[in-house]
């Protein structure tokens, strides 16, 4: 009998963002595409900022249990400038489209 344990697949979550001069809004969806259903059973979430080699890195990670299968969503985003201290609340749900409507006057139109 084999004791082989398959590796947990690591995939990047879907990310979209909008930014103005003063604000950046980011929506992270734990799915492979924005038009796919998101994972409903997330656990072991980790969202953090760190300094690595004089650059700021935003680390997002979560485990997903989907149809009796485990997936690991993970991404590290290199940021090009420092980030002011802020609280990261992984439970907060930000409606990207609503935020865009609320701040429409502040957004540059390209």
C-alpha atoms as a PDB file:
ATOM      1  CA  UNK A   1       0.000   0.000   0.000  1.00  0.00           C
ATOM      2  CA  UNK A   2       1.367   3.377  -1.022  1.00  0.00           C
ATOM      3  CA  UNK A   3       1.597   6.296   1.421  1.00  0.00           C
ATOM      4  CA  UNK A   4       1.858   8.838  -1.393  1.00  0.00           C
ATOM      5  CA  UNK A   5       0.259  12.164  -0.486  1.00  0.00           C
ATOM      6  CA  UNK A   6      -0.396  14.434  -3.461  1.00  0.00           C
ATOM      7  CA  UNK A   7       0.880  17.992  -3.224  1.00  0.00           C
ATOM      8  CA  UNK A   8      -1.641  20.737  -2.655  1.00  0.00           C
ATOM      9  CA  UNK A   9      -1.895  22.836  -5.847  1.00  0.00           C
ATOM     10  CA  UNK A  10      -0.747  26.460  -5.424  1.00  0.00           C
ATOM     11  CA  UNK A  11      -2.548  28.995  -7.600  1.00  0.00           C
ATOM     12  CA  UNK A  12      -2.827  32.775  -7.731  1.00  0.00           C
ATOM     13  CA  UNK A  13      -6.110  34.398  -6.779  1.00  0.00           C
ATOM     14  CA  UNK A  14      -7.830  36.790  -9.191  1.00  0.00           C
ATOM     15  CA  UNK A  15      -6.975  40.418  -8.446  1.00  0.00           C
ATOM     16  CA  UNK A  16      -8.239  43.705  -9.809  1.00  0.00           C
ATOM     17  CA  UNK A  17      -7.519  47.177  -8.549  1.00  0.00           C
ATOM     18  CA  UNK A  18      -8.192  50.833  -9.054  1.00  0.00           C
ATOM     19  CA  UNK A  19      -6.157  53.738  -7.862  1.00  0.00           C
ATOM     20  CA  UNK A  20      -6.256  57.478  -7.575  1.00  0.00           C
ATOM     21  CA  UNK A  21      -3.546  59.846  -6.401  1.00  0.00           C
ATOM     22  CA  UNK A  22      -4.310  59.101  -2.738  1.00  0.00           C
ATOM     23  CA  UNK A  23      -6.054  55.709  -2.640  1.00  0.00           C
ATOM     24  CA  UNK A  24      -5.683  52.208  -3.949  1.00  0.00           C
ATOM     25  CA  UNK A  25      -8.556  49.745  -3.881  1.00  0.00           C
ATOM     26  CA  UNK A  26      -7.873  46.087  -4.432  1.00  0.00           C
ATOM     27  CA  UNK A  27     -10.334  43.244  -4.776  1.00  0.00           C
ATOM     28  CA  UNK A  28      -9.066  39.713  -4.277  1.00  0.00           C
ATOM     29  CA  UNK A  29     -11.276  36.847  -5.355  1.00  0.00           C
ATOM     30  CA  UNK A  30     -10.198  33.349  -4.427  1.00  0.00           C
ATOM     31  CA  UNK A  31     -10.923  31.792  -7.805  1.00  0.00           C
ATOM     32  CA  UNK A  32      -8.920  31.279 -10.978  1.00  0.00           C
ATOM     33  CA  UNK A  33     -10.894  33.955 -12.881  1.00  0.00           C
ATOM     34  CA  UNK A  34     -13.235  36.771 -11.887  1.00  0.00           C
ATOM     35  CA  UNK A  35     -16.090  35.191 -13.838  1.00  0.00           C
ATOM     36  CA  UNK A  36     -15.674  31.885 -11.935  1.00  0.00           C
ATOM     37  CA  UNK A  37     -17.297  31.119  -8.590  1.00  0.00           C
ATOM     38  CA  UNK A  38     -15.178  31.973  -5.567  1.00  0.00           C
ATOM     39  CA  UNK A  39     -14.133  29.494  -2.928  1.00  0.00           C
ATOM     40  CA  UNK A  40     -16.752  29.373  -0.181  1.00  0.00           C
ATOM     41  CA  UNK A  41     -14.716  27.467   2.397  1.00  0.00           C
ATOM     42  CA  UNK A  42     -11.592  29.568   3.084  1.00  0.00           C
ATOM     43  CA  UNK A  43      -9.338  29.033   6.072  1.00  0.00           C
ATOM     44  CA  UNK A  44      -5.799  29.906   7.220  1.00  0.00           C
ATOM     45  CA  UNK A  45      -5.936  33.350   5.614  1.00  0.00           C
ATOM     46  CA  UNK A  46      -2.800  35.482   5.814  1.00  0.00           C
ATOM     47  CA  UNK A  47      -2.559  39.032   4.502  1.00  0.00           C
ATOM     48  CA  UNK A  48       0.578  40.948   5.380  1.00  0.00           C
ATOM     49  CA  UNK A  49       3.036  43.639   4.347  1.00  0.00           C
ATOM     50  CA  UNK A  50       6.760  43.104   4.696  1.00  0.00           C
ATOM     51  CA  UNK A  51      10.017  44.747   3.742  1.00  0.00           C
ATOM     52  CA  UNK A  52      12.226  42.508   1.592  1.00  0.00           C
ATOM     53  CA  UNK A  53      15.486  43.835   0.130  1.00  0.00           C
ATOM     54  CA  UNK A  54      14.397  47.500   0.442  1.00  0.00           C
ATOM     55  CA  UNK A  55      11.021  46.898  -1.225  1.00  0.00           C
ATOM     56  CA  UNK A  56       7.533  46.428   0.155  1.00  0.00           C
ATOM     57  CA  UNK A  57       5.771  43.133  -0.567  1.00  0.00           C
ATOM     58  CA  UNK A  58       2.064  42.498  -0.093  1.00  0.00           C
ATOM     59  CA  UNK A  59       1.549  38.814   0.686  1.00  0.00           C
ATOM     60  CA  UNK A  60      -1.916  37.238   0.304  1.00  0.00           C
ATOM     61  CA  UNK A  61      -2.498  33.572   1.077  1.00  0.00           C
ATOM     62  CA  UNK A  62      -5.470  31.344   1.917  1.00  0.00           C
ATOM     63  CA  UNK A  63      -6.391  27.685   1.878  1.00  0.00           C
ATOM     64  CA  UNK A  64      -9.571  26.576   0.133  1.00  0.00           C
ATOM     65  CA  UNK A  65     -11.584  23.427   0.572  1.00  0.00           C
ATOM     66  CA  UNK A  66     -13.552  22.897  -2.624  1.00  0.00           C
ATOM     67  CA  UNK A  67     -15.345  19.654  -3.554  1.00  0.00           C
ATOM     68  CA  UNK A  68     -13.228  17.628  -1.100  1.00  0.00           C
ATOM     69  CA  UNK A  69     -10.080  19.046  -2.709  1.00  0.00           C
ATOM     70  CA  UNK A  70      -7.578  21.423  -1.105  1.00  0.00           C
ATOM     71  CA  UNK A  71      -6.189  24.414  -2.983  1.00  0.00           C
ATOM     72  CA  UNK A  72      -3.669  26.982  -1.815  1.00  0.00           C
ATOM     73  CA  UNK A  73      -4.152  30.502  -3.167  1.00  0.00           C
ATOM     74  CA  UNK A  74      -1.027  32.605  -2.865  1.00  0.00           C
ATOM     75  CA  UNK A  75       0.404  35.773  -4.387  1.00  0.00           C
ATOM     76  CA  UNK A  76       3.217  38.184  -3.497  1.00  0.00           C
ATOM     77  CA  UNK A  77       2.907  41.658  -5.015  1.00  0.00           C
ATOM     78  CA  UNK A  78       5.956  43.918  -5.169  1.00  0.00           C
ATOM     79  CA  UNK A  79       4.949  47.504  -4.407  1.00  0.00           C
ATOM     80  CA  UNK A  80       6.998  50.321  -5.909  1.00  0.00           C
ATOM     81  CA  UNK A  81       6.729  52.719  -3.001  1.00  0.00           C
ATOM     82  CA  UNK A  82       6.318  52.589   0.735  1.00  0.00           C
ATOM     83  CA  UNK A  83       2.909  51.983   2.241  1.00  0.00           C
ATOM     84  CA  UNK A  84       1.583  53.880   5.232  1.00  0.00           C
ATOM     85  CA  UNK A  85       0.627  51.784   8.223  1.00  0.00           C
ATOM     86  CA  UNK A  86      -2.911  50.499   7.964  1.00  0.00           C
ATOM     87  CA  UNK A  87      -5.019  47.717   9.360  1.00  0.00           C
ATOM     88  CA  UNK A  88      -5.691  44.794   7.058  1.00  0.00           C
ATOM     89  CA  UNK A  89      -9.034  43.146   7.754  1.00  0.00           C
ATOM     90  CA  UNK A  90      -9.347  39.897   5.785  1.00  0.00           C
ATOM     91  CA  UNK A  91     -13.052  39.664   6.656  1.00  0.00           C
ATOM     92  CA  UNK A  92     -13.869  43.002   5.058  1.00  0.00           C
ATOM     93  CA  UNK A  93     -15.723  42.746   1.776  1.00  0.00           C
ATOM     94  CA  UNK A  94     -15.094  45.694  -0.532  1.00  0.00           C
ATOM     95  CA  UNK A  95     -17.464  46.209  -3.415  1.00  0.00           C
ATOM     96  CA  UNK A  96     -15.124  47.370  -6.163  1.00  0.00           C
ATOM     97  CA  UNK A  97     -17.842  48.769  -8.421  1.00  0.00           C
ATOM     98  CA  UNK A  98     -19.480  50.720  -5.599  1.00  0.00           C
ATOM     99  CA  UNK A  99     -16.133  52.198  -4.589  1.00  0.00           C
ATOM    100  CA  UNK A 100     -15.546  53.279  -8.177  1.00  0.00           C
ATOM    101  CA  UNK A 101     -18.921  55.066  -8.257  1.00  0.00           C
ATOM    102  CA  UNK A 102     -18.304  56.731  -4.875  1.00  0.00           C
ATOM    103  CA  UNK A 103     -14.890  58.065  -5.903  1.00  0.00           C
ATOM    104  CA  UNK A 104     -15.613  58.720  -9.578  1.00  0.00           C
ATOM    105  CA  UNK A 105     -14.625  62.387  -9.249  1.00  0.00           C
ATOM    106  CA  UNK A 106     -11.155  61.432  -8.010  1.00  0.00           C
ATOM    107  CA  UNK A 107     -10.286  58.907 -10.728  1.00  0.00           C
ATOM    108  CA  UNK A 108      -8.276  59.874 -13.767  1.00  0.00           C
ATOM    109  CA  UNK A 109      -9.973  58.792 -16.961  1.00  0.00           C
ATOM    110  CA  UNK A 110      -7.587  57.261 -19.472  1.00  0.00           C
END
